[in-house]
Amino acid sequence: MPSRIVWQSGVEQSENLLKDGKEFCVFRKKVSSGTCPAVLLDFGFELNGGISIETGIDARDWFHKIRIRFGESVSEAMGQPNNDHSIHDTELTISALGKHEFGCTGFRFVRIDLLSETKLHVHNIKAVALERPLEYKGRFECSDDMLNRIWKTGARTVHLCCQDYLLDGIKRDRLVWVGDIHPQLAVIAFVFGRQDIVTESLDYIYNRTVPDIWMNGIGSYNLWWLISLYNWYWLIGDLKILTNRVSSVKIVFDGISNFIDKNGKENTGGMRFIDWALGIKNEHELGCGLQSLTVWAVRCSKQIFEAAGEYEYAKKADNLLKLTSQAECNPKSKQAAALKVLAGTADSISINNEILSAEPAKGLSTWFGYYVLQARAQADDFAGCIDLIRNYWGGMLKLGATTFWEHFDLDWLKNGGRIDEAVQADKIDVHLNYGDHCYKGLRHSLCHGWAAGPTAWLPRHVLGIEPLKPGYAEIQIKPWLGGLEWAKGNIPTEFGNIEVEHFKNEKGHIVTNVKTPDEIKVIENGKRKNEFKSKIPYSTITPKARQSTLQFLDG
């Protein structure tokens, strides 16, 4: 049911639309060439699907022509929605005394206009939500409510994108893009545990790509395919994820190898693309980013071949890894710099100090923000990461978001109107007026799975649960609380949930409670690169003492 009526004109008893009773509302007969009776409904949060309209009867009018507009924002539903990829704005005829369903898109708001010169009785207008019945096995909570909201919003964003396959967004494009899969699979692993939609989506793209053509027409997406496959195996731990696809990995790996010259420099074909926020014309930064992504993908290929027992190919990959790692590149952008750290070819601390922490939100995107967070975590700049998460992803929540967006810029907060309100004359319509590249104006997707990175990052780095072997068969716990008083959560594994709780005692020391299944080995903590002011003593939890309490003492 709708949660509120945002706006109406020429509709009587509209409050009945908020109830599921016998009462009805009436769209008054419009005067010829006059204003159409209309209502704008808010369903409270982002949904995937359509609406159901149940009509009553008026003896004089049997058929009615209406206009339906779906919107992820008030301004979209009240404006001229873009019909690319799914229908958001349409006219259709409905009958009296019937029930009519329409729509398959992403929306929160729906506007209904009565176009015909009739009198329309409506019993109810309901959302018809299409979602996978996924169990939220993972959990993250802490003493900062904004971080909790961000974690839940990211989980909801990816849940909605889990349709027949793993979609980029539920309004647009409603397609499987390989680059979008990678951050989403991390969220899925942390929140829902093993879900076959990940490998089904990777297989979907592979099976629809001719071997000598780049996936989605983008060269870097072949690289992301290899990285995604290995990362999913690492998080889940089922070797069949790799062995069932090793022949495909060989083909993709060989294809990439053909585009690496004798000096190890990549010459990736297709559309040369890293991130829309970086653009497609900055060849230096694109080259740096693609070089590092190539190194990362080749390393993942080597690890796949080793795990699958394909030692001849593992040797090929090892030789190629050494070659590609030698190619010089000096990135200036956050995107290329983060990839260089994640590829293992740059010092994380210097990259963080010189590039990533400088004006931290400038030039950022909701997609590559995740990789910036991962790279900064390698430099132990957890405080900077938490500030970035609060300010950048929290900025979308301040504008009324219930899911995370395809793109966002902190400058949009300056005099920007909320997406869940009619934009006032002295405010800027952030949905209509902002955006770039393929996401300009109302085409901009406000539910995009690649934007959910913090939902994977927070349990990994705040709770500090680090897998040392595939599928969390062996882990170590290295928490970071900073200014937080406490943090707790679960991570689902094939063996069951890992449950962790950290809190500060009366002396300010961190106390950690860990509970794991018997099959998971918990080993002693490792030291962080930067000691800062705290030193974490070494402790060991054995499976037999899986409910032990550890003391983490400030130095």
Protein backbone atom coordinates (compact mmCIF):
# COMPACT_ATOMS: atom_id res chain seq x y z
CA MET A 1 0.00 0.00 0.00
CA PRO A 2 1.16 3.60 -0.49
CA SER A 3 2.60 5.22 2.62
CA ARG A 4 1.45 8.75 1.76
CA ILE A 5 -0.12 10.97 -0.86
CA VAL A 6 2.47 13.47 -2.03
CA TRP A 7 0.19 15.53 -4.28
CA GLN A 8 -3.31 15.38 -5.79
CA SER A 9 -5.66 17.35 -7.97
CA GLY A 10 -9.30 16.58 -8.69
CA VAL A 11 -9.39 13.41 -6.58
CA GLU A 12 -11.92 12.94 -3.79
CA GLN A 13 -11.42 10.76 -0.71
CA SER A 14 -7.83 10.07 -1.75
CA GLU A 15 -7.00 9.08 1.84
CA ASN A 16 -8.78 5.79 1.12
CA LEU A 17 -5.85 4.83 -1.10
CA LEU A 18 -3.79 4.48 2.07
CA LYS A 19 -6.18 1.85 3.44
CA ASP A 20 -6.98 -1.66 2.32
CA GLY A 21 -10.70 -1.48 2.99
CA LYS A 22 -14.00 -1.28 1.15
CA GLU A 23 -13.90 2.49 0.66
CA PHE A 24 -12.83 4.01 -2.65
CA CYS A 25 -11.52 7.28 -3.98
CA VAL A 26 -12.97 9.10 -6.97
CA PHE A 27 -11.15 10.69 -9.86
CA ARG A 28 -13.63 13.38 -10.85
CA LYS A 29 -14.65 13.69 -14.49
CA LYS A 30 -12.35 16.23 -16.08
CA VAL A 31 -13.78 19.17 -17.93
CA SER A 32 -13.07 19.00 -21.66
CA SER A 33 -9.54 20.35 -22.32
CA GLY A 34 -9.23 21.03 -18.60
CA THR A 35 -6.79 19.77 -15.99
CA CYS A 36 -6.73 15.99 -15.55
CA PRO A 37 -7.57 14.53 -12.14
CA ALA A 38 -4.34 13.04 -10.80
CA VAL A 39 -2.62 11.72 -7.71
CA LEU A 40 1.04 11.13 -6.79
CA LEU A 41 1.66 8.21 -4.43
CA ASP A 42 4.72 7.42 -2.33
CA PHE A 43 5.32 3.73 -1.55
CA GLY A 44 7.91 4.65 1.06
CA PHE A 45 11.03 3.08 -0.42
CA GLU A 46 12.51 1.84 -3.70
CA LEU A 47 10.78 -1.16 -5.27
CA ASN A 48 11.20 -3.36 -8.32
CA GLY A 49 8.01 -4.28 -10.15
CA GLY A 50 4.83 -2.41 -11.01
CA ILE A 51 1.40 -1.51 -9.66
CA SER A 52 -2.04 -3.05 -9.34
CA ILE A 53 -5.13 -0.85 -9.74
CA GLU A 54 -8.46 -2.19 -8.49
CA THR A 55 -11.41 -0.24 -9.87
CA GLY A 56 -15.02 0.16 -8.84
CA ILE A 57 -17.97 0.90 -11.09
CA ASP A 58 -19.99 3.86 -12.24
CA ALA A 59 -23.02 2.95 -14.34
CA ARG A 60 -22.23 5.67 -16.86
CA ASP A 61 -18.52 4.95 -17.47
CA TRP A 62 -17.12 1.49 -18.16
CA PHE A 63 -13.72 2.23 -19.75
CA HIS A 64 -11.14 4.77 -18.63
CA LYS A 65 -7.96 6.05 -20.21
CA ILE A 66 -5.20 6.74 -17.74
CA ARG A 67 -1.55 7.77 -17.74
CA ILE A 68 0.92 6.05 -15.40
CA ARG A 69 4.27 7.58 -14.52
CA PHE A 70 6.81 5.72 -12.39
CA GLY A 71 9.54 7.65 -10.64
CA GLU A 72 12.52 6.99 -8.43
CA SER A 73 12.06 10.59 -7.33
CA VAL A 74 9.09 12.93 -6.99
CA SER A 75 10.39 15.05 -9.85
CA GLU A 76 10.66 12.01 -12.15
CA ALA A 77 7.08 10.91 -11.51
CA MET A 78 5.83 14.48 -11.89
CA GLY A 79 7.89 15.12 -15.01
CA GLN A 80 8.67 13.31 -18.25
CA PRO A 81 10.29 9.98 -17.30
CA ASN A 82 12.69 8.39 -19.76
CA ASN A 83 11.41 5.13 -21.26
CA ASP A 84 14.81 3.62 -22.04
CA HIS A 85 15.21 -0.04 -20.98
CA SER A 86 11.81 -0.22 -19.24
CA ILE A 87 8.54 1.69 -19.51
CA HIS A 88 8.18 4.46 -16.95
CA ASP A 89 5.59 6.65 -18.68
CA THR A 90 2.63 5.21 -20.59
CA GLU A 91 -1.05 5.59 -21.40
CA LEU A 92 -3.47 2.68 -21.27
CA THR A 93 -7.15 1.83 -21.03
CA ILE A 94 -8.58 0.11 -17.97
CA SER A 95 -12.09 -1.11 -17.28
CA ALA A 96 -14.42 -0.51 -14.38
CA LEU A 97 -14.90 -3.28 -11.83
CA GLY A 98 -11.55 -4.86 -12.56
CA LYS A 99 -7.99 -5.36 -11.38
CA HIS A 100 -5.15 -4.24 -13.62
CA GLU A 101 -1.41 -4.75 -13.25
CA PHE A 102 1.26 -2.86 -15.13
CA GLY A 103 4.97 -2.18 -14.96
CA CYS A 104 8.35 -3.81 -14.44
CA THR A 105 10.85 -1.20 -13.38
CA GLY A 106 12.44 0.52 -10.41
CA PHE A 107 10.33 3.10 -8.62
CA ARG A 108 9.19 4.59 -5.35
CA PHE A 109 6.62 7.09 -6.63
CA VAL A 110 3.71 6.62 -9.04
CA ARG A 111 1.53 9.30 -10.59
CA ILE A 112 -1.86 8.35 -12.05
CA ASP A 113 -3.75 10.77 -14.34
CA LEU A 114 -7.28 10.22 -15.63
CA LEU A 115 -7.16 11.27 -19.29
CA SER A 116 -10.66 10.33 -20.41
CA GLU A 117 -13.74 12.43 -19.65
CA THR A 118 -15.07 9.80 -17.25
CA LYS A 119 -15.53 9.35 -13.53
CA LEU A 120 -13.17 6.72 -12.12
CA HIS A 121 -13.73 4.86 -8.84
CA VAL A 122 -10.57 3.27 -7.42
CA HIS A 123 -10.59 0.89 -4.46
CA ASN A 124 -6.82 0.64 -4.17
CA ILE A 125 -3.50 1.12 -5.91
CA LYS A 126 -0.86 -1.30 -4.66
CA ALA A 127 2.74 -1.95 -5.53
CA VAL A 128 3.50 -5.37 -7.00
CA ALA A 129 7.05 -6.03 -5.82
CA LEU A 130 9.25 -8.54 -7.63
CA GLU A 131 12.09 -9.65 -5.37
CA ARG A 132 14.02 -12.82 -4.70
CA PRO A 133 13.10 -14.25 -1.27
CA LEU A 134 16.62 -13.87 0.10
CA GLU A 135 17.39 -14.40 3.77
CA TYR A 136 19.48 -11.67 5.38
CA LYS A 137 22.03 -13.92 7.06
CA GLY A 138 24.73 -11.28 7.43
CA ARG A 139 24.44 -8.40 9.84
CA PHE A 140 26.36 -5.27 10.76
CA GLU A 141 25.56 -2.88 13.59
CA CYS A 142 27.60 -0.29 15.43
CA SER A 143 27.23 2.73 17.68
CA ASP A 144 26.95 5.08 14.66
CA ASP A 145 23.41 5.08 13.29
CA MET A 146 24.48 6.66 9.99
CA LEU A 147 26.82 3.73 9.29
CA ASN A 148 24.02 1.31 10.17
CA ARG A 149 21.68 3.03 7.71
CA ILE A 150 24.35 2.96 5.01
CA TRP A 151 24.95 -0.77 5.53
CA LYS A 152 21.23 -1.55 5.29
CA THR A 153 20.74 0.70 2.26
CA GLY A 154 23.54 -1.05 0.38
CA ALA A 155 22.09 -4.45 1.24
CA ARG A 156 18.67 -3.36 -0.01
CA THR A 157 20.18 -1.94 -3.20
CA VAL A 158 21.85 -5.21 -4.16
CA HIS A 159 18.85 -7.30 -3.09
CA LEU A 160 16.69 -5.39 -5.57
CA CYS A 161 19.26 -5.94 -8.33
CA CYS A 162 19.05 -9.72 -7.79
CA GLN A 163 16.40 -10.44 -10.41
CA ASP A 164 16.59 -13.20 -13.06
CA TYR A 165 20.27 -12.29 -13.19
CA LEU A 166 22.38 -9.77 -11.32
CA LEU A 167 21.30 -6.47 -12.87
CA ASP A 168 23.17 -3.18 -12.85
CA GLY A 169 20.06 -1.26 -11.84
CA ILE A 170 16.34 -1.95 -11.63
CA LYS A 171 15.20 1.09 -13.59
CA ARG A 172 18.10 1.27 -16.00
CA ASP A 173 19.72 -0.57 -17.66
CA ARG A 174 18.21 -3.78 -16.26
CA LEU A 175 21.14 -5.58 -17.90
CA VAL A 176 24.05 -7.76 -16.83
CA TRP A 177 27.26 -5.71 -16.94
CA VAL A 178 30.40 -7.53 -15.80
CA GLY A 179 31.92 -4.51 -14.06
CA ASP A 180 28.81 -4.08 -11.95
CA ILE A 181 28.95 -7.70 -10.78
CA HIS A 182 32.19 -7.40 -8.81
CA PRO A 183 31.15 -5.08 -5.96
CA GLN A 184 27.73 -6.71 -5.85
CA LEU A 185 29.12 -10.21 -5.35
CA ALA A 186 31.01 -8.98 -2.29
CA VAL A 187 27.80 -7.56 -0.83
CA ILE A 188 25.93 -10.78 -1.63
CA ALA A 189 28.58 -12.86 0.12
CA PHE A 190 28.52 -10.68 3.25
CA VAL A 191 24.73 -10.31 3.44
CA PHE A 192 23.12 -13.37 1.83
CA GLY A 193 25.90 -15.92 1.64
CA ARG A 194 26.19 -18.21 -1.34
CA GLN A 195 23.72 -17.38 -4.11
CA ASP A 196 23.90 -19.06 -7.52
CA ILE A 197 22.85 -15.82 -9.22
CA VAL A 198 26.52 -14.74 -9.17
CA THR A 199 27.90 -17.64 -11.21
CA GLU A 200 24.74 -17.72 -13.33
CA SER A 201 25.34 -14.08 -14.26
CA LEU A 202 29.03 -14.65 -15.02
CA ASP A 203 28.07 -17.65 -17.17
CA TYR A 204 25.33 -15.63 -18.87
CA ILE A 205 27.81 -13.04 -20.09
CA TYR A 206 30.48 -15.57 -21.06
CA ASN A 207 28.03 -17.71 -23.05
CA ARG A 208 26.77 -14.67 -24.96
CA THR A 209 30.20 -13.34 -25.88
CA VAL A 210 32.06 -14.54 -28.96
CA PRO A 211 35.59 -15.59 -27.84
CA ASP A 212 37.39 -12.86 -29.81
CA ILE A 213 34.95 -10.13 -28.70
CA TRP A 214 35.13 -8.19 -25.45
CA MET A 215 32.42 -8.81 -22.86
CA ASN A 216 29.78 -6.07 -23.04
CA GLY A 217 32.01 -4.54 -25.73
CA ILE A 218 34.36 -3.25 -23.01
CA GLY A 219 37.92 -4.56 -22.77
CA SER A 220 38.23 -4.12 -19.01
CA TYR A 221 35.17 -6.29 -18.44
CA ASN A 222 37.07 -9.42 -19.50
CA LEU A 223 39.48 -8.51 -16.72
CA TRP A 224 36.67 -7.97 -14.24
CA TRP A 225 35.19 -11.36 -15.21
CA LEU A 226 38.37 -13.16 -14.13
CA ILE A 227 38.68 -11.11 -10.94
CA SER A 228 35.02 -11.66 -10.07
CA LEU A 229 35.20 -15.41 -10.59
CA TYR A 230 38.22 -15.81 -8.34
CA ASN A 231 36.93 -13.44 -5.66
CA TRP A 232 33.62 -15.31 -5.52
CA TYR A 233 35.47 -18.59 -5.06
CA TRP A 234 37.59 -17.02 -2.31
CA LEU A 235 34.52 -15.82 -0.43
CA ILE A 236 32.48 -19.03 -0.87
CA GLY A 237 35.16 -21.73 -0.89
CA ASP A 238 33.65 -24.23 -3.34
CA LEU A 239 36.39 -25.34 -5.73
CA LYS A 240 33.78 -26.37 -8.32
CA ILE A 241 33.17 -22.66 -8.92
CA LEU A 242 36.57 -22.70 -10.62
CA THR A 243 36.93 -26.25 -11.96
CA ASN A 244 33.57 -26.09 -13.74
CA ARG A 245 34.75 -22.99 -15.61
CA VAL A 246 38.48 -23.49 -16.00
CA SER A 247 38.20 -24.09 -19.76
CA SER A 248 36.41 -20.74 -20.05
CA VAL A 249 39.09 -19.09 -17.92
CA LYS A 250 41.77 -20.39 -20.31
CA ILE A 251 39.98 -18.84 -23.29
CA VAL A 252 39.54 -15.48 -21.56
CA PHE A 253 43.13 -15.53 -20.27
CA ASP A 254 44.53 -16.36 -23.73
CA GLY A 255 42.48 -13.54 -25.22
CA ILE A 256 43.91 -11.05 -22.74
CA SER A 257 47.45 -12.35 -23.31
CA ASN A 258 47.17 -11.48 -27.00
CA PHE A 259 46.76 -7.81 -26.07
CA ILE A 260 49.90 -7.54 -23.93
CA ASP A 261 53.12 -6.51 -25.69
CA LYS A 262 56.65 -7.80 -25.11
CA ASN A 263 57.25 -5.13 -22.46
CA GLY A 264 54.18 -6.15 -20.47
CA LYS A 265 52.08 -3.16 -21.50
CA GLU A 266 48.39 -3.77 -22.01
CA ASN A 267 46.73 -2.79 -25.27
CA THR A 268 43.21 -3.74 -24.29
CA GLY A 269 40.68 -3.49 -27.11
CA GLY A 270 37.00 -2.67 -27.15
CA MET A 271 35.83 0.44 -25.36
CA ARG A 272 38.68 1.56 -23.11
CA PHE A 273 36.85 2.16 -19.87
CA ILE A 274 37.58 2.26 -16.16
CA ASP A 275 34.94 4.46 -14.55
CA TRP A 276 32.54 7.10 -15.88
CA ALA A 277 33.82 9.60 -13.32
CA LEU A 278 37.24 9.24 -14.93
CA GLY A 279 35.81 9.65 -18.41
CA ILE A 280 36.82 7.94 -21.64
CA LYS A 281 39.28 10.49 -23.07
CA ASN A 282 42.01 10.65 -20.43
CA GLU A 283 44.25 8.06 -22.06
CA HIS A 284 47.05 8.38 -19.50
CA GLU A 285 44.79 7.56 -16.56
CA LEU A 286 42.87 4.97 -18.56
CA GLY A 287 46.16 3.32 -19.50
CA CYS A 288 47.36 3.33 -15.89
CA GLY A 289 44.08 1.92 -14.65
CA LEU A 290 43.88 -0.76 -17.32
CA GLN A 291 47.49 -1.77 -16.70
CA SER A 292 46.83 -2.30 -13.01
CA LEU A 293 43.54 -4.06 -13.69
CA THR A 294 45.41 -6.36 -16.09
CA VAL A 295 47.95 -7.22 -13.39
CA TRP A 296 45.14 -7.94 -10.94
CA ALA A 297 43.28 -10.13 -13.46
CA VAL A 298 46.43 -12.05 -14.42
CA ARG A 299 47.15 -12.70 -10.74
CA CYS A 300 43.60 -14.00 -10.28
CA SER A 301 44.06 -16.20 -13.36
CA LYS A 302 47.21 -17.66 -11.85
CA GLN A 303 45.38 -18.37 -8.60
CA ILE A 304 42.49 -19.99 -10.47
CA PHE A 305 44.84 -22.27 -12.42
CA GLU A 306 46.76 -23.24 -9.29
CA ALA A 307 43.58 -24.04 -7.36
CA ALA A 308 42.20 -26.04 -10.30
CA GLY A 309 45.44 -28.00 -10.77
CA GLU A 310 46.16 -26.48 -14.19
CA TYR A 311 49.87 -26.01 -13.50
CA GLU A 312 51.01 -25.42 -17.09
CA TYR A 313 48.61 -22.52 -17.39
CA ALA A 314 49.55 -21.37 -13.89
CA LYS A 315 53.16 -21.08 -15.07
CA LYS A 316 52.05 -19.06 -18.11
CA ALA A 317 50.09 -16.76 -15.86
CA ASP A 318 53.01 -16.39 -13.46
CA ASN A 319 55.33 -15.36 -16.30
CA LEU A 320 52.75 -12.90 -17.59
CA LEU A 321 52.23 -11.54 -14.08
CA LYS A 322 55.95 -10.79 -13.73
CA LEU A 323 55.97 -9.11 -17.14
CA THR A 324 52.89 -6.94 -16.66
CA SER A 325 53.94 -5.93 -13.14
CA GLN A 326 57.10 -4.33 -14.54
CA ALA A 327 55.28 -1.88 -16.82
CA GLU A 328 55.66 1.63 -15.39
CA CYS A 329 52.67 3.83 -14.67
CA ASN A 330 52.26 6.94 -12.52
CA PRO A 331 48.58 7.53 -11.84
CA LYS A 332 47.10 10.85 -10.76
CA SER A 333 43.41 9.92 -10.53
CA LYS A 334 41.84 8.14 -7.59
CA GLN A 335 40.58 5.36 -9.85
CA ALA A 336 43.93 4.46 -11.38
CA ALA A 337 45.76 4.96 -8.07
CA ALA A 338 43.39 2.65 -6.19
CA LEU A 339 43.76 -0.05 -8.83
CA LYS A 340 47.53 0.18 -8.65
CA VAL A 341 47.38 -0.48 -4.91
CA LEU A 342 44.94 -3.37 -5.33
CA ALA A 343 47.13 -4.83 -8.07
CA GLY A 344 50.02 -4.90 -5.60
CA THR A 345 52.28 -2.65 -7.67
CA ALA A 346 52.23 0.49 -5.51
CA ASP A 347 52.88 1.44 -1.91
CA SER A 348 49.48 1.93 -0.34
CA ILE A 349 50.59 4.49 2.25
CA SER A 350 52.24 6.86 -0.22
CA ILE A 351 49.36 6.51 -2.70
CA ASN A 352 46.88 7.24 0.06
CA ASN A 353 48.80 10.25 1.34
CA GLU A 354 49.42 11.74 -2.09
CA ILE A 355 46.19 10.94 -3.96
CA LEU A 356 43.40 9.07 -2.20
CA SER A 357 43.13 11.10 1.00
CA ALA A 358 43.56 14.45 -0.77
CA GLU A 359 40.08 15.98 -1.19
CA PRO A 360 38.74 12.46 -0.61
CA ALA A 361 35.35 12.85 -2.34
CA LYS A 362 36.61 14.82 -5.34
CA GLY A 363 36.47 12.84 -8.57
CA LEU A 364 34.88 9.90 -6.77
CA SER A 365 32.08 7.69 -8.04
CA THR A 366 29.66 5.41 -6.24
CA TRP A 367 31.25 2.43 -8.04
CA PHE A 368 34.95 3.15 -7.67
CA GLY A 369 34.46 4.58 -4.22
CA TYR A 370 34.53 0.95 -3.09
CA TYR A 371 37.99 0.37 -4.57
CA VAL A 372 39.24 3.63 -3.09
CA LEU A 373 38.03 2.39 0.31
CA GLN A 374 39.78 -0.94 -0.21
CA ALA A 375 43.03 0.74 -1.20
CA ARG A 376 42.90 3.17 1.73
CA ALA A 377 42.26 0.23 4.06
CA GLN A 378 45.53 -1.29 2.88
CA ALA A 379 47.18 1.91 4.13
CA ASP A 380 45.37 1.49 7.46
CA ASP A 381 43.56 4.79 6.92
CA PHE A 382 40.37 3.45 8.46
CA ALA A 383 39.42 6.77 10.02
CA GLY A 384 39.56 8.41 6.60
CA CYS A 385 37.48 5.61 5.13
CA ILE A 386 34.78 5.94 7.77
CA ASP A 387 34.61 9.70 7.24
CA LEU A 388 34.28 9.15 3.49
CA ILE A 389 31.51 6.59 3.95
CA ARG A 390 29.59 8.87 6.31
CA ASN A 391 29.90 11.95 4.12
CA TYR A 392 29.69 10.50 0.60
CA TRP A 393 27.22 7.63 0.89
CA GLY A 394 25.51 9.39 3.78
CA GLY A 395 25.03 12.36 1.47
CA MET A 396 22.62 10.34 -0.66
CA LEU A 397 20.61 9.46 2.43
CA LYS A 398 20.42 13.14 3.34
CA LEU A 399 18.73 13.72 -0.03
CA GLY A 400 16.09 11.07 0.69
CA ALA A 401 17.66 7.98 -0.90
CA THR A 402 16.47 4.52 0.14
CA THR A 403 18.89 2.84 -2.28
CA PHE A 404 22.27 3.98 -3.58
CA TRP A 405 22.65 5.77 -6.89
CA GLU A 406 24.47 5.20 -10.15
CA HIS A 407 26.51 8.32 -9.45
CA PHE A 408 26.75 11.03 -6.83
CA ASP A 409 28.76 14.15 -6.17
CA LEU A 410 28.98 15.88 -2.80
CA ASP A 411 28.42 19.20 -4.57
CA TRP A 412 24.84 18.07 -5.19
CA LEU A 413 24.16 18.66 -1.50
CA LYS A 414 24.66 22.38 -1.98
CA ASN A 415 21.11 23.70 -2.15
CA GLY A 416 19.90 20.38 -3.52
CA GLY A 417 16.28 19.37 -3.05
CA ARG A 418 15.35 16.01 -1.58
CA ILE A 419 14.19 13.35 -4.03
CA ASP A 420 11.16 12.52 -1.86
CA GLU A 421 9.75 16.03 -1.98
CA ALA A 422 8.48 18.42 -4.62
CA VAL A 423 11.48 20.61 -5.40
CA GLN A 424 11.00 24.13 -4.13
CA ALA A 425 11.76 27.12 -6.34
CA ASP A 426 14.88 28.00 -4.34
CA LYS A 427 16.28 24.44 -4.53
CA ILE A 428 18.05 22.48 -7.27
CA ASP A 429 16.38 19.35 -8.65
CA VAL A 430 19.29 16.92 -8.28
CA HIS A 431 17.60 14.20 -10.34
CA LEU A 432 16.60 16.40 -13.25
CA ASN A 433 19.61 18.71 -13.42
CA TYR A 434 22.61 16.55 -12.56
CA GLY A 435 24.34 13.54 -14.09
CA ASP A 436 26.74 12.97 -16.96
CA HIS A 437 27.64 10.55 -19.72
CA CYS A 438 24.88 7.90 -19.93
CA TYR A 439 23.16 8.96 -16.70
CA LYS A 440 22.06 12.51 -17.40
CA GLY A 441 18.91 13.90 -15.82
CA LEU A 442 15.97 11.60 -15.17
CA ARG A 443 17.76 8.77 -16.97
CA HIS A 444 19.99 8.58 -13.89
CA SER A 445 19.43 5.34 -11.96
CA LEU A 446 18.77 5.79 -8.25
CA CYS A 447 19.16 2.09 -7.48
CA HIS A 448 22.47 0.82 -8.82
CA GLY A 449 24.14 -2.24 -7.34
CA TRP A 450 27.69 -1.10 -7.97
CA ALA A 451 27.16 1.69 -5.42
CA ALA A 452 26.76 -0.64 -2.42
CA GLY A 453 30.45 -1.15 -1.64
CA PRO A 454 30.33 0.04 2.01
CA THR A 455 27.99 -2.84 2.84
CA ALA A 456 30.87 -5.20 2.05
CA TRP A 457 33.58 -2.91 3.42
CA LEU A 458 32.19 -2.30 6.92
CA PRO A 459 32.03 -5.92 8.17
CA ARG A 460 35.35 -6.71 6.53
CA HIS A 461 37.29 -3.84 8.09
CA VAL A 462 35.36 -2.62 11.15
CA LEU A 463 34.53 -6.09 12.40
CA GLY A 464 37.89 -7.09 10.97
CA ILE A 465 36.95 -10.57 9.78
CA GLU A 466 39.64 -11.52 7.28
CA PRO A 467 39.53 -14.83 5.39
CA LEU A 468 42.97 -16.45 5.14
CA LYS A 469 41.73 -19.46 3.21
CA PRO A 470 38.87 -19.83 0.70
CA GLY A 471 35.40 -19.81 2.19
CA TYR A 472 36.58 -18.56 5.60
CA ALA A 473 38.01 -21.97 6.47
CA GLU A 474 40.69 -20.02 8.31
CA ILE A 475 40.29 -16.45 9.53
CA GLN A 476 41.88 -13.80 11.67
CA ILE A 477 40.10 -11.00 13.50
CA LYS A 478 41.59 -7.50 13.29
CA PRO A 479 38.92 -5.03 14.43
CA TRP A 480 38.99 -1.27 14.00
CA LEU A 481 36.62 0.79 16.10
CA GLY A 482 38.22 4.23 16.10
CA GLY A 483 35.58 6.52 17.55
CA LEU A 484 32.94 3.80 17.67
CA GLU A 485 31.93 2.48 21.08
CA TRP A 486 30.92 -0.93 19.77
CA ALA A 487 30.33 -2.94 16.61
CA LYS A 488 28.87 -6.38 16.01
CA GLY A 489 27.65 -8.57 13.21
CA ASN A 490 27.54 -11.86 11.36
CA ILE A 491 29.17 -13.10 8.19
CA PRO A 492 27.54 -16.15 6.56
CA THR A 493 29.75 -19.01 5.40
CA GLU A 494 29.13 -22.50 4.06
CA PHE A 495 29.82 -23.77 7.60
CA GLY A 496 27.42 -21.36 9.31
CA ASN A 497 27.66 -17.81 10.61
CA ILE A 498 30.76 -16.17 12.04
CA GLU A 499 29.52 -13.97 14.88
CA VAL A 500 31.68 -11.13 16.18
CA GLU A 501 31.14 -8.44 18.79
CA HIS A 502 33.60 -5.70 19.76
CA PHE A 503 33.08 -3.14 22.52
CA LYS A 504 35.18 -0.78 24.60
CA ASN A 505 35.38 -1.48 28.31
CA GLU A 506 35.60 1.11 31.08
CA LYS A 507 39.33 1.57 30.39
CA GLY A 508 38.77 2.13 26.70
CA HIS A 509 40.23 -1.24 25.79
CA ILE A 510 38.51 -3.28 23.07
CA VAL A 511 36.92 -6.55 24.14
CA THR A 512 36.10 -9.01 21.37
CA ASN A 513 33.69 -11.94 21.48
CA VAL A 514 33.91 -14.40 18.60
CA LYS A 515 31.72 -17.40 17.86
CA THR A 516 32.46 -19.62 14.88
CA PRO A 517 31.42 -23.04 13.56
CA ASP A 518 33.77 -25.90 14.46
CA GLU A 519 35.06 -26.12 10.88
CA ILE A 520 36.51 -22.60 10.94
CA LYS A 521 39.98 -22.05 12.38
CA VAL A 522 40.65 -18.68 14.00
CA ILE A 523 44.34 -17.80 14.26
CA GLU A 524 46.30 -15.09 16.03
CA ASN A 525 45.98 -11.47 14.97
CA GLY A 526 48.48 -9.94 12.62
CA LYS A 527 49.94 -6.50 13.01
CA ARG A 528 48.70 -3.60 10.93
CA LYS A 529 51.11 -1.63 8.76
CA ASN A 530 50.63 1.57 10.74
CA GLU A 531 50.75 1.16 14.50
CA PHE A 532 49.36 4.67 15.17
CA LYS A 533 48.75 4.85 18.96
CA SER A 534 47.49 1.35 19.51
CA LYS A 535 49.16 -2.01 19.67
CA ILE A 536 47.15 -5.19 19.38
CA PRO A 537 48.55 -8.16 21.31
CA TYR A 538 48.59 -11.56 19.74
CA SER A 539 45.87 -13.98 20.82
CA THR A 540 44.58 -17.28 19.55
CA ILE A 541 41.07 -18.69 19.40
CA THR A 542 40.82 -22.41 18.71
CA PRO A 543 37.63 -24.08 17.45
CA LYS A 544 37.15 -25.57 20.93
CA ALA A 545 37.22 -22.09 22.46
CA ARG A 546 35.09 -20.51 19.80
CA GLN A 547 33.17 -18.36 22.31
CA SER A 548 36.32 -16.97 23.88
CA THR A 549 36.74 -13.33 24.85
CA LEU A 550 39.87 -11.53 23.72
CA GLN A 551 41.38 -8.34 25.11
CA PHE A 552 42.67 -5.80 22.60
CA LEU A 553 44.63 -3.28 24.68
CA ASP A 554 45.53 0.25 23.65
CA GLY A 555 49.26 0.79 23.97
